[in-house]
Amino acid sequence: MKYFFNISDYPDVKAIADEIIQDFDKLVIAARSMNYIPWPEPIYDGKWTVSSFKYKDEFIAERFGGAEIAKQLNWLTNPRIQTAGFSMLAPGTVIVPHAGEAGDIWRLHLGIDVTPGDCALRIGGEVMQWKEREFMMFLDEDVHDAWNFSEGYRLVMLFDIKRDAID
């Protein structure tokens, strides 16, 4: 069974990703200036924090100090993008196996700041490491776990894209 998907095989997802990657430098600035909160679910050991522009179709950037930069990210208004925010794992953090509740989304991670080392996501027996400026795409409904045993923080931009809108 395949757990990670190639964005190029999904033209509508690729079009969204191409638009997002053009704003990579703006995302780096936003990631460094926005406020973060602990991930709300007790599914991790260590430090996992998040910041967000949009969550389940609601614009919430102002809660995290990102309202001004959000205005510069035109793709945020794309109705297919349900969630867009940052996810940061501190060194030594482990996220236990879990599955997303929504069965109708693609989960994309865009590597923003990734320290080389043992820092990865596992779905089934398949393991993939994050890479800066590259997207990782999977189904959030599949059971997955993650860890950061590198010496630095792992920062990704997380996107939920509605599958029923593009499949």
Foldseek 3Di string as FASTA:
>chain_A
DDFWDDQVVFVVSVVLLVLVLVCLVLVLVLVVPWAWDFDPDPQKDAGKIKAFQAAQRRGDNVVTVRPVSVVVRVSVPVPQWRTKIKMKGFAPMKGHWDADPDQFWKKKKAWNDDDDDQWWKDFDNDIDHHDHRDMIIGGRRTTMMIHHNGNGMTMIMIIIGGNVVRD
